[in-house]
Amino acid sequence: ERVIRAVRAGARGFILKDIEPLELRAALRSVLTSGYYHTDLVHHTMLNSSMRTEEEKTRAKLLARLTENEVRFLELICDDRELTYEQVAEEMGVHRRTVDGYREHICNKLKVRS
């Protein structure tokens, strides 16, 4: 987390406290010549963070397409109680066919088949 914050704040390099003297010299040279230096660990951390951020953005965009009732439907079918569609309809106060419509709309909006 600190690594990501430092890079976002404009850090050109990030080294660990236990860096070897030769690696420190290489890091300084790298910053002077290329403008940045990151260890493999830092690079990996940054990649994972950006991927996670992109996944979160994608998930948020997909969920934003759903209506409040469609989200509620998803919450109920994913519930630990393992409700049937009949029970979901009863819980939501709608007809069973309405629940089928929620499922169909969700599949269409999220471009999934089942």
Protein backbone atom coordinates (compact mmCIF):
# COMPACT_ATOMS: atom_id res chain seq x y z
CA GLU A 1 0.00 0.00 0.00
CA ARG A 2 2.81 2.42 0.85
CA VAL A 3 4.53 1.60 -2.42
CA ILE A 4 1.43 2.46 -4.43
CA ARG A 5 0.88 5.70 -2.51
CA ALA A 6 4.51 6.72 -3.02
CA VAL A 7 4.38 6.06 -6.76
CA ARG A 8 1.07 7.88 -7.12
CA ALA A 9 2.59 10.80 -5.22
CA GLY A 10 5.37 10.98 -7.82
CA ALA A 11 8.16 8.79 -6.44
CA ARG A 12 10.66 8.00 -9.19
CA GLY A 13 12.01 4.99 -7.38
CA PHE A 14 11.38 2.82 -4.42
CA ILE A 15 14.07 0.87 -2.60
CA LEU A 16 13.94 -1.28 0.49
CA LYS A 17 15.97 -0.53 3.62
CA ASP A 18 18.06 -3.68 3.28
CA ILE A 19 19.30 -2.83 -0.24
CA GLU A 20 22.86 -3.90 -1.06
CA PRO A 21 25.35 -1.11 -1.87
CA LEU A 22 25.80 -2.29 -5.48
CA GLU A 23 22.07 -2.38 -6.03
CA LEU A 24 21.75 1.11 -4.51
CA ARG A 25 24.31 2.44 -7.00
CA ALA A 26 22.45 0.73 -9.84
CA ALA A 27 19.19 2.25 -8.61
CA LEU A 28 20.69 5.74 -8.53
CA ARG A 29 22.13 5.28 -12.03
CA SER A 30 18.76 4.07 -13.25
CA VAL A 31 16.96 7.11 -11.85
CA LEU A 32 19.55 9.42 -13.43
CA THR A 33 19.42 7.77 -16.86
CA SER A 34 15.84 6.55 -17.25
CA GLY A 35 14.04 8.65 -14.68
CA TYR A 36 12.86 5.79 -12.47
CA TYR A 37 13.87 2.63 -10.60
CA HIS A 38 11.69 -0.11 -9.21
CA THR A 39 12.61 -3.54 -7.90
CA ASP A 40 10.81 -6.58 -9.27
CA LEU A 41 8.77 -6.70 -6.07
CA VAL A 42 7.65 -3.08 -6.48
CA HIS A 43 6.90 -3.62 -10.16
CA HIS A 44 4.83 -6.72 -9.34
CA THR A 45 2.98 -4.85 -6.57
CA MET A 46 2.15 -1.99 -8.95
CA LEU A 47 0.89 -4.37 -11.64
CA ASN A 48 -1.31 -6.25 -9.19
CA SER A 49 -2.69 -2.99 -7.83
CA SER A 50 -3.55 -1.61 -11.26
CA MET A 51 -5.15 -4.91 -12.28
CA ARG A 52 -7.18 -4.96 -9.09
CA THR A 53 -8.20 -1.35 -9.68
CA GLU A 54 -9.26 -2.14 -13.26
CA GLU A 55 -11.23 -5.17 -12.06
CA GLU A 56 -12.97 -3.01 -9.47
CA LYS A 57 -13.79 -0.37 -12.09
CA THR A 58 -15.15 -3.01 -14.46
CA ARG A 59 -17.22 -4.59 -11.69
CA ALA A 60 -18.58 -1.19 -10.65
CA LYS A 61 -19.52 -0.34 -14.26
CA LEU A 62 -21.33 -3.65 -14.67
CA LEU A 63 -23.20 -3.27 -11.40
CA ALA A 64 -24.17 0.29 -12.31
CA ARG A 65 -26.12 -1.14 -15.25
CA LEU A 66 -28.37 -3.11 -12.92
CA THR A 67 -31.54 -1.78 -11.36
CA GLU A 68 -32.09 -1.84 -7.62
CA ASN A 69 -34.44 -4.83 -8.00
CA GLU A 70 -31.92 -6.74 -10.12
CA VAL A 71 -29.23 -6.21 -7.49
CA ARG A 72 -31.66 -7.33 -4.77
CA PHE A 73 -32.46 -10.43 -6.85
CA LEU A 74 -28.74 -11.25 -7.07
CA GLU A 75 -28.32 -10.76 -3.33
CA LEU A 76 -31.17 -13.15 -2.62
CA ILE A 77 -30.11 -15.91 -5.00
CA CYS A 78 -26.58 -15.72 -3.59
CA ASP A 79 -27.89 -15.81 -0.02
CA ASP A 80 -26.71 -18.62 2.27
CA ARG A 81 -30.33 -19.73 2.59
CA GLU A 82 -30.22 -21.01 -1.02
CA LEU A 83 -33.67 -19.69 -1.86
CA THR A 84 -35.66 -21.00 -4.80
CA TYR A 85 -36.96 -18.53 -7.38
CA GLU A 86 -40.40 -18.93 -5.81
CA GLN A 87 -38.99 -17.93 -2.42
CA VAL A 88 -37.07 -15.03 -3.96
CA ALA A 89 -40.28 -13.79 -5.59
CA GLU A 90 -42.10 -14.04 -2.27
CA GLU A 91 -39.30 -12.25 -0.43
CA MET A 92 -39.30 -9.45 -3.02
CA GLY A 93 -43.08 -9.25 -3.13
CA VAL A 94 -43.27 -9.89 -6.87
CA HIS A 95 -44.58 -12.60 -9.18
CA ARG A 96 -42.37 -15.56 -10.07
CA ARG A 97 -42.30 -14.46 -13.73
CA THR A 98 -40.96 -11.07 -12.65
CA VAL A 99 -38.02 -12.86 -11.04
CA ASP A 100 -37.42 -14.68 -14.33
CA GLY A 101 -37.38 -11.28 -16.01
CA TYR A 102 -34.77 -9.98 -13.56
CA ARG A 103 -32.58 -12.99 -14.32
CA GLU A 104 -32.96 -12.51 -18.07
CA HIS A 105 -32.24 -8.77 -17.91
CA ILE A 106 -29.15 -9.36 -15.77
CA CYS A 107 -27.82 -11.95 -18.22
CA ASN A 108 -28.40 -9.58 -21.14
CA LYS A 109 -26.85 -6.57 -19.42
CA LEU A 110 -23.80 -8.49 -18.23
CA LYS A 111 -23.54 -10.46 -21.49
CA VAL A 112 -23.63 -13.86 -19.80
CA ARG A 113 -25.62 -16.92 -20.77
CA SER A 114 -26.45 -18.38 -17.39
